[in-house]
Amino acid sequence: MVKSKRKRSRPPGPPPETRTAEVATVGWMLLTMTALVSELLTTLGKWYVRVQPDAELVRGLAELLFFAALVTGVMSLIAAAVVFRLRKTRPPTAITVIAIAVGVAPLAAIAWQLLF
């Protein structure tokens, strides 16, 4: 007697993503993480300058890091739009919200400085 093998029905998984969508997603996350680290280091640098007002080198580094955060933050927002167009399945909502908040933070800081 030969036992017949039954095919087990598997629940359908998410559809496979294209290579382009995967590359865009990785690039988006790299831009977001770079913006986040730049924003955190900018904050630390500005805090240090408040404690040590004569630290001109740190002040310049904090301004350079803020510029890097601004550029990578804007690029991250653009990459998010590209990822949402390319992917078949949407990225998790929590990751999307945090990534957009990180991308908008430098723009909000500039708006804050202009208003107050």
PDB file of N, CA and C in Angstrom:
ATOM      1  N   MET A   1       0.818  -1.181   0.000  1.00  0.00           N
ATOM      2  CA  MET A   1       0.000   0.000   0.000  1.00  0.00           C
ATOM      3  C   MET A   1       0.863   1.247   0.000  1.00  0.00           C
ATOM      4  N   VAL A   2       0.561   2.069  -0.886  1.00  0.00           N
ATOM      5  CA  VAL A   2       1.283   3.334  -0.988  1.00  0.00           C
ATOM      6  C   VAL A   2       0.368   4.426  -0.457  1.00  0.00           C
ATOM      7  N   LYS A   3       0.911   5.164   0.480  1.00  0.00           N
ATOM      8  CA  LYS A   3       0.121   6.270   1.014  1.00  0.00           C
ATOM      9  C   LYS A   3       0.214   7.455   0.069  1.00  0.00           C
ATOM     10  N   SER A   4      -0.901   8.008  -0.229  1.00  0.00           N
ATOM     11  CA  SER A   4      -0.876   9.182  -1.099  1.00  0.00           C
ATOM     12  C   SER A   4      -0.604  10.429  -0.263  1.00  0.00           C
ATOM     13  N   LYS A   5       0.243  11.245  -0.784  1.00  0.00           N
ATOM     14  CA  LYS A   5       0.583  12.483  -0.081  1.00  0.00           C
ATOM     15  C   LYS A   5      -0.449  13.535  -0.428  1.00  0.00           C
ATOM     16  N   ARG A   6      -0.992  14.099   0.594  1.00  0.00           N
ATOM     17  CA  ARG A   6      -1.959  15.173   0.366  1.00  0.00           C
ATOM     18  C   ARG A   6      -1.225  16.503   0.361  1.00  0.00           C
ATOM     19  N   LYS A   7      -1.631  17.322  -0.512  1.00  0.00           N
ATOM     20  CA  LYS A   7      -1.076  18.670  -0.516  1.00  0.00           C
ATOM     21  C   LYS A   7      -1.757  19.449   0.584  1.00  0.00           C
ATOM     22  N   ARG A   8      -0.961  19.974   1.443  1.00  0.00           N
ATOM     23  CA  ARG A   8      -1.523  20.798   2.495  1.00  0.00           C
ATOM     24  C   ARG A   8      -1.777  22.196   1.944  1.00  0.00           C
ATOM     25  N   SER A   9      -2.942  22.663   2.239  1.00  0.00           N
ATOM     26  CA  SER A   9      -3.237  24.014   1.767  1.00  0.00           C
ATOM     27  C   SER A   9      -2.588  25.013   2.714  1.00  0.00           C
ATOM     28  N   ARG A  10      -1.811  25.855   2.145  1.00  0.00           N
ATOM     29  CA  ARG A  10      -1.136  26.884   2.929  1.00  0.00           C
ATOM     30  C   ARG A  10      -1.886  28.190   2.757  1.00  0.00           C
ATOM     31  N   PRO A  11      -1.934  28.954   3.818  1.00  0.00           N
ATOM     32  CA  PRO A  11      -2.575  30.262   3.643  1.00  0.00           C
ATOM     33  C   PRO A  11      -1.735  31.111   2.690  1.00  0.00           C
ATOM     34  N   PRO A  12      -2.396  31.829   1.848  1.00  0.00           N
ATOM     35  CA  PRO A  12      -1.622  32.627   0.883  1.00  0.00           C
ATOM     36  C   PRO A  12      -0.802  33.704   1.603  1.00  0.00           C
ATOM     37  N   GLY A  13       0.452  33.794   1.243  1.00  0.00           N
ATOM     38  CA  GLY A  13       1.326  34.805   1.823  1.00  0.00           C
ATOM     39  C   GLY A  13       1.235  36.091   1.026  1.00  0.00           C
ATOM     40  N   PRO A  14       2.010  37.061   1.443  1.00  0.00           N
ATOM     41  CA  PRO A  14       2.007  38.311   0.676  1.00  0.00           C
ATOM     42  C   PRO A  14       2.597  38.064  -0.711  1.00  0.00           C
ATOM     43  N   PRO A  15       2.135  38.802  -1.681  1.00  0.00           N
ATOM     44  CA  PRO A  15       2.682  38.604  -3.030  1.00  0.00           C
ATOM     45  C   PRO A  15       4.157  39.001  -3.065  1.00  0.00           C
ATOM     46  N   PRO A  16       4.932  38.323  -3.870  1.00  0.00           N
ATOM     47  CA  PRO A  16       6.361  38.666  -3.930  1.00  0.00           C
ATOM     48  C   PRO A  16       6.556  40.068  -4.506  1.00  0.00           C
ATOM     49  N   GLU A  17       7.509  40.759  -3.932  1.00  0.00           N
ATOM     50  CA  GLU A  17       7.810  42.121  -4.385  1.00  0.00           C
ATOM     51  C   GLU A  17       8.865  42.083  -5.477  1.00  0.00           C
ATOM     52  N   THR A  18       8.857  43.089  -6.312  1.00  0.00           N
ATOM     53  CA  THR A  18       9.872  43.182  -7.354  1.00  0.00           C
ATOM     54  C   THR A  18      11.194  43.611  -6.729  1.00  0.00           C
ATOM     55  N   ARG A  19      12.244  43.361  -7.438  1.00  0.00           N
ATOM     56  CA  ARG A  19      13.575  43.746  -6.952  1.00  0.00           C
ATOM     57  C   ARG A  19      13.668  45.261  -6.795  1.00  0.00           C
ATOM     58  N   THR A  20      13.059  45.983  -7.714  1.00  0.00           N
ATOM     59  CA  THR A  20      13.060  47.445  -7.651  1.00  0.00           C
ATOM     60  C   THR A  20      12.368  47.938  -6.387  1.00  0.00           C
ATOM     61  N   ALA A  21      11.252  47.311  -6.047  1.00  0.00           N
ATOM     62  CA  ALA A  21      10.531  47.710  -4.836  1.00  0.00           C
ATOM     63  C   ALA A  21      11.355  47.423  -3.589  1.00  0.00           C
ATOM     64  N   GLU A  22      12.048  46.307  -3.575  1.00  0.00           N
ATOM     65  CA  GLU A  22      12.894  45.969  -2.421  1.00  0.00           C
ATOM     66  C   GLU A  22      14.052  46.959  -2.281  1.00  0.00           C
ATOM     67  N   VAL A  23      14.684  47.299  -3.386  1.00  0.00           N
ATOM     68  CA  VAL A  23      15.789  48.262  -3.359  1.00  0.00           C
ATOM     69  C   VAL A  23      15.296  49.623  -2.890  1.00  0.00           C
ATOM     70  N   ALA A  24      14.132  50.038  -3.384  1.00  0.00           N
ATOM     71  CA  ALA A  24      13.572  51.330  -2.971  1.00  0.00           C
ATOM     72  C   ALA A  24      13.242  51.332  -1.479  1.00  0.00           C
ATOM     73  N   THR A  25      12.742  50.221  -0.971  1.00  0.00           N
ATOM     74  CA  THR A  25      12.406  50.135   0.447  1.00  0.00           C
ATOM     75  C   THR A  25      13.659  50.215   1.318  1.00  0.00           C
ATOM     76  N   VAL A  26      14.694  49.508   0.921  1.00  0.00           N
ATOM     77  CA  VAL A  26      15.952  49.563   1.677  1.00  0.00           C
ATOM     78  C   VAL A  26      16.536  50.970   1.633  1.00  0.00           C
ATOM     79  N   GLY A  27      16.513  51.606   0.476  1.00  0.00           N
ATOM     80  CA  GLY A  27      17.011  52.980   0.364  1.00  0.00           C
ATOM     81  C   GLY A  27      16.218  53.943   1.232  1.00  0.00           C
ATOM     82  N   TRP A  28      14.908  53.767   1.256  1.00  0.00           N
ATOM     83  CA  TRP A  28      14.037  54.609   2.089  1.00  0.00           C
ATOM     84  C   TRP A  28      14.405  54.468   3.562  1.00  0.00           C
ATOM     85  N   MET A  29      14.599  53.236   4.006  1.00  0.00           N
ATOM     86  CA  MET A  29      14.942  53.011   5.411  1.00  0.00           C
ATOM     87  C   MET A  29      16.338  53.554   5.738  1.00  0.00           C
ATOM     88  N   LEU A  30      17.285  53.433   4.810  1.00  0.00           N
ATOM     89  CA  LEU A  30      18.622  53.989   5.038  1.00  0.00           C
ATOM     90  C   LEU A  30      18.567  55.513   5.139  1.00  0.00           C
ATOM     91  N   LEU A  31      17.798  56.144   4.270  1.00  0.00           N
ATOM     92  CA  LEU A  31      17.641  57.598   4.341  1.00  0.00           C
ATOM     93  C   LEU A  31      16.986  58.016   5.659  1.00  0.00           C
ATOM     94  N   THR A  32      15.978  57.266   6.068  1.00  0.00           N
ATOM     95  CA  THR A  32      15.281  57.588   7.306  1.00  0.00           C
ATOM     96  C   THR A  32      16.214  57.447   8.509  1.00  0.00           C
ATOM     97  N   MET A  33      16.982  56.375   8.548  1.00  0.00           N
ATOM     98  CA  MET A  33      17.900  56.173   9.678  1.00  0.00           C
ATOM     99  C   MET A  33      19.010  57.223   9.686  1.00  0.00           C
ATOM    100  N   THR A  34      19.496  57.603   8.524  1.00  0.00           N
ATOM    101  CA  THR A  34      20.516  58.648   8.458  1.00  0.00           C
ATOM    102  C   THR A  34      19.960  59.976   8.941  1.00  0.00           C
ATOM    103  N   ALA A  35      18.749  60.297   8.553  1.00  0.00           N
ATOM    104  CA  ALA A  35      18.116  61.532   9.022  1.00  0.00           C
ATOM    105  C   ALA A  35      17.916  61.492  10.531  1.00  0.00           C
ATOM    106  N   LEU A  36      17.487  60.359  11.057  1.00  0.00           N
ATOM    107  CA  LEU A  36      17.257  60.240  12.499  1.00  0.00           C
ATOM    108  C   LEU A  36      18.552  60.422  13.289  1.00  0.00           C
ATOM    109  N   VAL A  37      19.610  59.771  12.868  1.00  0.00           N
ATOM    110  CA  VAL A  37      20.897  59.904  13.565  1.00  0.00           C
ATOM    111  C   VAL A  37      21.407  61.340  13.469  1.00  0.00           C
ATOM    112  N   SER A  38      21.262  61.955  12.307  1.00  0.00           N
ATOM    113  CA  SER A  38      21.691  63.350  12.155  1.00  0.00           C
ATOM    114  C   SER A  38      20.884  64.277  13.063  1.00  0.00           C
ATOM    115  N   GLU A  39      19.584  64.026  13.174  1.00  0.00           N
ATOM    116  CA  GLU A  39      18.746  64.854  14.046  1.00  0.00           C
ATOM    117  C   GLU A  39      19.136  64.679  15.512  1.00  0.00           C
ATOM    118  N   LEU A  40      19.390  63.439  15.914  1.00  0.00           N
ATOM    119  CA  LEU A  40      19.786  63.196  17.310  1.00  0.00           C
ATOM    120  C   LEU A  40      21.133  63.842  17.630  1.00  0.00           C
ATOM    121  N   LEU A  41      22.084  63.717  16.718  1.00  0.00           N
ATOM    122  CA  LEU A  41      23.391  64.333  16.953  1.00  0.00           C
ATOM    123  C   LEU A  41      23.311  65.857  16.917  1.00  0.00           C
ATOM    124  N   THR A  42      22.438  66.401  16.086  1.00  0.00           N
ATOM    125  CA  THR A  42      22.217  67.844  16.078  1.00  0.00           C
ATOM    126  C   THR A  42      21.682  68.306  17.418  1.00  0.00           C
ATOM    127  N   THR A  43      20.728  67.578  17.945  1.00  0.00           N
ATOM    128  CA  THR A  43      20.151  67.917  19.248  1.00  0.00           C
ATOM    129  C   THR A  43      21.206  67.854  20.348  1.00  0.00           C
ATOM    130  N   LEU A  44      22.019  66.813  20.338  1.00  0.00           N
ATOM    131  CA  LEU A  44      23.089  66.711  21.340  1.00  0.00           C
ATOM    132  C   LEU A  44      24.090  67.853  21.195  1.00  0.00           C
ATOM    133  N   GLY A  45      24.431  68.184  19.952  1.00  0.00           N
ATOM    134  CA  GLY A  45      25.376  69.281  19.724  1.00  0.00           C
ATOM    135  C   GLY A  45      24.833  70.615  20.195  1.00  0.00           C
ATOM    136  N   LYS A  46      23.570  70.880  19.921  1.00  0.00           N
ATOM    137  CA  LYS A  46      22.976  72.139  20.373  1.00  0.00           C
ATOM    138  C   LYS A  46      22.863  72.193  21.895  1.00  0.00           C
ATOM    139  N   TRP A  47      22.566  71.058  22.497  1.00  0.00           N
ATOM    140  CA  TRP A  47      22.527  71.010  23.962  1.00  0.00           C
ATOM    141  C   TRP A  47      23.914  71.305  24.540  1.00  0.00           C
ATOM    142  N   TYR A  48      24.962  70.722  23.939  1.00  0.00           N
ATOM    143  CA  TYR A  48      26.316  70.946  24.416  1.00  0.00           C
ATOM    144  C   TYR A  48      26.724  72.413  24.261  1.00  0.00           C
ATOM    145  N   VAL A  49      26.315  73.037  23.177  1.00  0.00           N
ATOM    146  CA  VAL A  49      26.643  74.447  22.962  1.00  0.00           C
ATOM    147  C   VAL A  49      25.952  75.320  24.011  1.00  0.00           C
ATOM    148  N   ARG A  50      24.766  74.934  24.451  1.00  0.00           N
ATOM    149  CA  ARG A  50      24.105  75.690  25.524  1.00  0.00           C
ATOM    150  C   ARG A  50      24.856  75.568  26.835  1.00  0.00           C
ATOM    151  N   VAL A  51      25.450  74.402  27.069  1.00  0.00           N
ATOM    152  CA  VAL A  51      26.217  74.195  28.303  1.00  0.00           C
ATOM    153  C   VAL A  51      27.579  74.872  28.191  1.00  0.00           C
ATOM    154  N   GLN A  52      28.217  74.762  27.038  1.00  0.00           N
ATOM    155  CA  GLN A  52      29.536  75.356  26.784  1.00  0.00           C
ATOM    156  C   GLN A  52      29.407  76.344  25.624  1.00  0.00           C
ATOM    157  N   PRO A  53      29.035  77.599  25.879  1.00  0.00           N
ATOM    158  CA  PRO A  53      28.792  78.553  24.786  1.00  0.00           C
ATOM    159  C   PRO A  53      30.006  78.843  23.902  1.00  0.00           C
ATOM    160  N   ASP A  54      31.215  78.594  24.380  1.00  0.00           N
ATOM    161  CA  ASP A  54      32.402  78.900  23.578  1.00  0.00           C
ATOM    162  C   ASP A  54      32.828  77.729  22.684  1.00  0.00           C
ATOM    163  N   ALA A  55      32.034  76.690  22.563  1.00  0.00           N
ATOM    164  CA  ALA A  55      32.369  75.519  21.737  1.00  0.00           C
ATOM    165  C   ALA A  55      31.936  75.774  20.291  1.00  0.00           C
ATOM    166  N   GLU A  56      32.722  76.556  19.570  1.00  0.00           N
ATOM    167  CA  GLU A  56      32.383  76.929  18.195  1.00  0.00           C
ATOM    168  C   GLU A  56      32.461  75.743  17.231  1.00  0.00           C
ATOM    169  N   LEU A  57      33.398  74.848  17.470  1.00  0.00           N
ATOM    170  CA  LEU A  57      33.540  73.686  16.599  1.00  0.00           C
ATOM    171  C   LEU A  57      32.289  72.799  16.680  1.00  0.00           C
ATOM    172  N   VAL A  58      31.792  72.622  17.883  1.00  0.00           N
ATOM    173  CA  VAL A  58      30.585  71.813  18.070  1.00  0.00           C
ATOM    174  C   VAL A  58      29.377  72.511  17.449  1.00  0.00           C
ATOM    175  N   ARG A  59      29.325  73.830  17.555  1.00  0.00           N
ATOM    176  CA  ARG A  59      28.227  74.593  16.950  1.00  0.00           C
ATOM    177  C   ARG A  59      28.217  74.395  15.428  1.00  0.00           C
ATOM    178  N   GLY A  60      29.383  74.482  14.815  1.00  0.00           N
ATOM    179  CA  GLY A  60      29.486  74.279  13.369  1.00  0.00           C
ATOM    180  C   GLY A  60      29.119  72.854  12.964  1.00  0.00           C
ATOM    181  N   LEU A  61      29.558  71.875  13.751  1.00  0.00           N
ATOM    182  CA  LEU A  61      29.226  70.484  13.475  1.00  0.00           C
ATOM    183  C   LEU A  61      27.725  70.246  13.607  1.00  0.00           C
ATOM    184  N   ALA A  62      27.101  70.852  14.612  1.00  0.00           N
ATOM    185  CA  ALA A  62      25.656  70.709  14.795  1.00  0.00           C
ATOM    186  C   ALA A  62      24.899  71.317  13.615  1.00  0.00           C
ATOM    187  N   GLU A  63      25.369  72.450  13.104  1.00  0.00           N
ATOM    188  CA  GLU A  63      24.708  73.061  11.944  1.00  0.00           C
ATOM    189  C   GLU A  63      24.881  72.209  10.690  1.00  0.00           C
ATOM    190  N   LEU A  64      26.064  71.629  10.529  1.00  0.00           N
ATOM    191  CA  LEU A  64      26.301  70.739   9.389  1.00  0.00           C
ATOM    192  C   LEU A  64      25.416  69.496   9.485  1.00  0.00           C
ATOM    193  N   LEU A  65      25.293  68.936  10.669  1.00  0.00           N
ATOM    194  CA  LEU A  65      24.439  67.773  10.856  1.00  0.00           C
ATOM    195  C   LEU A  65      22.966  68.117  10.647  1.00  0.00           C
ATOM    196  N   PHE A  66      22.569  69.327  11.015  1.00  0.00           N
ATOM    197  CA  PHE A  66      21.191  69.736  10.760  1.00  0.00           C
ATOM    198  C   PHE A  66      20.924  69.820   9.261  1.00  0.00           C
ATOM    199  N   PHE A  67      21.891  70.333   8.511  1.00  0.00           N
ATOM    200  CA  PHE A  67      21.744  70.380   7.055  1.00  0.00           C
ATOM    201  C   PHE A  67      21.637  68.965   6.480  1.00  0.00           C
ATOM    202  N   ALA A  68      22.465  68.046   6.995  1.00  0.00           N
ATOM    203  CA  ALA A  68      22.396  66.656   6.542  1.00  0.00           C
ATOM    204  C   ALA A  68      21.034  66.050   6.878  1.00  0.00           C
ATOM    205  N   ALA A  69      20.512  66.366   8.064  1.00  0.00           N
ATOM    206  CA  ALA A  69      19.193  65.864   8.455  1.00  0.00           C
ATOM    207  C   ALA A  69      18.112  66.428   7.543  1.00  0.00           C
ATOM    208  N   LEU A  70      18.241  67.688   7.186  1.00  0.00           N
ATOM    209  CA  LEU A  70      17.261  68.313   6.299  1.00  0.00           C
ATOM    210  C   LEU A  70      17.264  67.647   4.918  1.00  0.00           C
ATOM    211  N   VAL A  71      18.435  67.465   4.350  1.00  0.00           N
ATOM    212  CA  VAL A  71      18.545  66.874   3.015  1.00  0.00           C
ATOM    213  C   VAL A  71      18.059  65.424   3.020  1.00  0.00           C
ATOM    214  N   THR A  72      18.551  64.630   3.964  1.00  0.00           N
ATOM    215  CA  THR A  72      18.143  63.220   3.985  1.00  0.00           C
ATOM    216  C   THR A  72      16.681  63.070   4.404  1.00  0.00           C
ATOM    217  N   GLY A  73      16.179  63.986   5.219  1.00  0.00           N
ATOM    218  CA  GLY A  73      14.763  63.935   5.590  1.00  0.00           C
ATOM    219  C   GLY A  73      13.854  64.181   4.403  1.00  0.00           C
ATOM    220  N   VAL A  74      14.183  65.182   3.600  1.00  0.00           N
ATOM    221  CA  VAL A  74      13.383  65.467   2.402  1.00  0.00           C
ATOM    222  C   VAL A  74      13.496  64.310   1.406  1.00  0.00           C
ATOM    223  N   MET A  75      14.705  63.791   1.238  1.00  0.00           N
ATOM    224  CA  MET A  75      14.882  62.645   0.346  1.00  0.00           C
ATOM    225  C   MET A  75      14.110  61.429   0.857  1.00  0.00           C
ATOM    226  N   SER A  76      14.030  61.281   2.165  1.00  0.00           N
ATOM    227  CA  SER A  76      13.277  60.180   2.761  1.00  0.00           C
ATOM    228  C   SER A  76      11.786  60.303   2.467  1.00  0.00           C
ATOM    229  N   LEU A  77      11.271  61.518   2.499  1.00  0.00           N
ATOM    230  CA  LEU A  77       9.857  61.721   2.171  1.00  0.00           C
ATOM    231  C   LEU A  77       9.578  61.398   0.708  1.00  0.00           C
ATOM    232  N   ILE A  78      10.496  61.782  -0.162  1.00  0.00           N
ATOM    233  CA  ILE A  78      10.347  61.456  -1.587  1.00  0.00           C
ATOM    234  C   ILE A  78      10.426  59.946  -1.796  1.00  0.00           C
ATOM    235  N   ALA A  79      11.379  59.306  -1.097  1.00  0.00           N
ATOM    236  CA  ALA A  79      11.527  57.852  -1.216  1.00  0.00           C
ATOM    237  C   ALA A  79      10.294  57.126  -0.690  1.00  0.00           C
ATOM    238  N   ALA A  80       9.654  57.672   0.339  1.00  0.00           N
ATOM    239  CA  ALA A  80       8.430  57.046   0.863  1.00  0.00           C
ATOM    240  C   ALA A  80       7.343  57.023  -0.214  1.00  0.00           C
ATOM    241  N   ALA A  81       7.217  58.115  -0.939  1.00  0.00           N
ATOM    242  CA  ALA A  81       6.223  58.160  -2.007  1.00  0.00           C
ATOM    243  C   ALA A  81       6.548  57.133  -3.094  1.00  0.00           C
ATOM    244  N   VAL A  82       7.818  57.000  -3.419  1.00  0.00           N
ATOM    245  CA  VAL A  82       8.233  56.026  -4.431  1.00  0.00           C
ATOM    246  C   VAL A  82       7.933  54.603  -3.950  1.00  0.00           C
ATOM    247  N   VAL A  83       8.248  54.325  -2.689  1.00  0.00           N
ATOM    248  CA  VAL A  83       8.010  52.987  -2.135  1.00  0.00           C
ATOM    249  C   VAL A  83       6.520  52.652  -2.156  1.00  0.00           C
ATOM    250  N   PHE A  84       5.684  53.608  -1.812  1.00  0.00           N
ATOM    251  CA  PHE A  84       4.251  53.344  -1.800  1.00  0.00           C
ATOM    252  C   PHE A  84       3.711  53.091  -3.208  1.00  0.00           C
ATOM    253  N   ARG A  85       4.354  53.639  -4.208  1.00  0.00           N
ATOM    254  CA  ARG A  85       3.915  53.372  -5.588  1.00  0.00           C
ATOM    255  C   ARG A  85       4.407  52.023  -6.089  1.00  0.00           C
ATOM    256  N   LEU A  86       5.610  51.630  -5.671  1.00  0.00           N
ATOM    257  CA  LEU A  86       6.222  50.419  -6.214  1.00  0.00           C
ATOM    258  C   LEU A  86       5.772  49.137  -5.529  1.00  0.00           C
ATOM    259  N   ARG A  87       5.544  49.183  -4.224  1.00  0.00           N
ATOM    260  CA  ARG A  87       5.249  47.956  -3.482  1.00  0.00           C
ATOM    261  C   ARG A  87       3.814  47.484  -3.696  1.00  0.00           C
ATOM    262  N   LYS A  88       3.659  46.169  -3.714  1.00  0.00           N
ATOM    263  CA  LYS A  88       2.326  45.587  -3.802  1.00  0.00           C
ATOM    264  C   LYS A  88       1.659  45.591  -2.436  1.00  0.00           C
ATOM    265  N   THR A  89       2.458  45.332  -1.397  1.00  0.00           N
ATOM    266  CA  THR A  89       1.934  45.385  -0.027  1.00  0.00           C
ATOM    267  C   THR A  89       2.511  46.617   0.659  1.00  0.00           C
ATOM    268  N   ARG A  90       1.704  47.271   1.429  1.00  0.00           N
ATOM    269  CA  ARG A  90       2.133  48.495   2.111  1.00  0.00           C
ATOM    270  C   ARG A  90       3.070  48.169   3.277  1.00  0.00           C
ATOM    271  N   PRO A  91       4.046  49.039   3.546  1.00  0.00           N
ATOM    272  CA  PRO A  91       4.879  48.850   4.734  1.00  0.00           C
ATOM    273  C   PRO A  91       4.010  48.990   5.990  1.00  0.00           C
ATOM    274  N   PRO A  92       4.473  48.456   7.114  1.00  0.00           N
ATOM    275  CA  PRO A  92       3.689  48.577   8.345  1.00  0.00           C
ATOM    276  C   PRO A  92       3.403  50.040   8.684  1.00  0.00           C
ATOM    277  N   THR A  93       2.222  50.284   9.231  1.00  0.00           N
ATOM    278  CA  THR A  93       1.784  51.649   9.521  1.00  0.00           C
ATOM    279  C   THR A  93       2.704  52.337  10.518  1.00  0.00           C
ATOM    280  N   ALA A  94       3.126  51.633  11.548  1.00  0.00           N
ATOM    281  CA  ALA A  94       3.988  52.245  12.565  1.00  0.00           C
ATOM    282  C   ALA A  94       5.305  52.716  11.958  1.00  0.00           C
ATOM    283  N   ILE A  95       5.895  51.904  11.110  1.00  0.00           N
ATOM    284  CA  ILE A  95       7.156  52.283  10.468  1.00  0.00           C
ATOM    285  C   ILE A  95       6.939  53.479   9.559  1.00  0.00           C
ATOM    286  N   THR A  96       5.838  53.486   8.841  1.00  0.00           N
ATOM    287  CA  THR A  96       5.548  54.596   7.938  1.00  0.00           C
ATOM    288  C   THR A  96       5.361  55.891   8.710  1.00  0.00           C
ATOM    289  N   VAL A  97       4.619  55.848   9.806  1.00  0.00           N
ATOM    290  CA  VAL A  97       4.379  57.058  10.599  1.00  0.00           C
ATOM    291  C   VAL A  97       5.685  57.591  11.176  1.00  0.00           C
ATOM    292  N   ILE A  98       6.512  56.712  11.719  1.00  0.00           N
ATOM    293  CA  ILE A  98       7.786  57.153  12.289  1.00  0.00           C
ATOM    294  C   ILE A  98       8.693  57.712  11.200  1.00  0.00           C
ATOM    295  N   ALA A  99       8.752  57.056  10.046  1.00  0.00           N
ATOM    296  CA  ALA A  99       9.611  57.532   8.961  1.00  0.00           C
ATOM    297  C   ALA A  99       9.163  58.902   8.455  1.00  0.00           C
ATOM    298  N   ILE A 100       7.873  59.116   8.366  1.00  0.00           N
ATOM    299  CA  ILE A 100       7.384  60.420   7.916  1.00  0.00           C
ATOM    300  C   ILE A 100       7.650  61.482   8.976  1.00  0.00           C
ATOM    301  N   ALA A 101       7.501  61.130  10.248  1.00  0.00           N
ATOM    302  CA  ALA A 101       7.805  62.085  11.325  1.00  0.00           C
ATOM    303  C   ALA A 101       9.286  62.470  11.311  1.00  0.00           C
ATOM    304  N   VAL A 102      10.148  61.494  11.076  1.00  0.00           N
ATOM    305  CA  VAL A 102      11.589  61.784  10.997  1.00  0.00           C
ATOM    306  C   VAL A 102      11.886  62.678   9.803  1.00  0.00           C
ATOM    307  N   GLY A 103      11.226  62.447   8.684  1.00  0.00           N
ATOM    308  CA  GLY A 103      11.451  63.263   7.492  1.00  0.00           C
ATOM    309  C   GLY A 103      10.940  64.683   7.631  1.00  0.00           C
ATOM    310  N   VAL A 104       9.850  64.857   8.372  1.00  0.00           N
ATOM    311  CA  VAL A 104       9.237  66.180   8.525  1.00  0.00           C
ATOM    312  C   VAL A 104       9.911  66.992   9.643  1.00  0.00           C
ATOM    313  N   ALA A 105      10.556  66.332  10.579  1.00  0.00           N
ATOM    314  CA  ALA A 105      11.126  67.014  11.753  1.00  0.00           C
ATOM    315  C   ALA A 105      12.058  68.183  11.409  1.00  0.00           C
ATOM    316  N   PRO A 106      13.008  68.051  10.477  1.00  0.00           N
ATOM    317  CA  PRO A 106      13.852  69.208  10.164  1.00  0.00           C
ATOM    318  C   PRO A 106      13.065  70.370   9.557  1.00  0.00           C
ATOM    319  N   LEU A 107      12.067  70.040   8.741  1.00  0.00           N
ATOM    320  CA  LEU A 107      11.231  71.098   8.159  1.00  0.00           C
ATOM    321  C   LEU A 107      10.435  71.800   9.253  1.00  0.00           C
ATOM    322  N   ALA A 108       9.949  71.036  10.211  1.00  0.00           N
ATOM    323  CA  ALA A 108       9.214  71.624  11.328  1.00  0.00           C
ATOM    324  C   ALA A 108      10.139  72.489  12.189  1.00  0.00           C
ATOM    325  N   ALA A 109      11.388  72.071  12.346  1.00  0.00           N
ATOM    326  CA  ALA A 109      12.349  72.869  13.124  1.00  0.00           C
ATOM    327  C   ALA A 109      12.626  74.206  12.431  1.00  0.00           C
ATOM    328  N   ILE A 110      12.739  74.189  11.121  1.00  0.00           N
ATOM    329  CA  ILE A 110      12.948  75.442  10.391  1.00  0.00           C
ATOM    330  C   ILE A 110      11.726  76.341  10.533  1.00  0.00           C
ATOM    331  N   ALA A 111      10.546  75.759  10.384  1.00  0.00           N
ATOM    332  CA  ALA A 111       9.315  76.546  10.537  1.00  0.00           C
ATOM    333  C   ALA A 111       9.231  77.135  11.938  1.00  0.00           C
ATOM    334  N   TRP A 112       9.592  76.361  12.946  1.00  0.00           N
ATOM    335  CA  TRP A 112       9.585  76.827  14.329  1.00  0.00           C
ATOM    336  C   TRP A 112      10.526  78.014  14.514  1.00  0.00           C
ATOM    337  N   GLN A 113      11.729  77.902  13.928  1.00  0.00           N
ATOM    338  CA  GLN A 113      12.712  78.989  14.052  1.00  0.00           C
ATOM    339  C   GLN A 113      12.237  80.242  13.331  1.00  0.00           C
ATOM    340  N   LEU A 114      11.557  80.086  12.216  1.00  0.00           N
ATOM    341  CA  LEU A 114      11.062  81.256  11.489  1.00  0.00           C
ATOM    342  C   LEU A 114       9.910  81.927  12.202  1.00  0.00           C
ATOM    343  N   LEU A 115       9.092  81.136  12.866  1.00  0.00           N
ATOM    344  CA  LEU A 115       7.929  81.701  13.546  1.00  0.00           C
ATOM    345  C   LEU A 115       8.264  82.312  14.902  1.00  0.00           C
ATOM    346  N   PHE A 116       9.251  81.769  15.586  1.00  0.00           N
ATOM    347  CA  PHE A 116       9.544  82.255  16.943  1.00  0.00           C
ATOM    348  C   PHE A 116      10.951  82.744  17.077  1.00  0.00           C
TER     349      PHE A 116
END
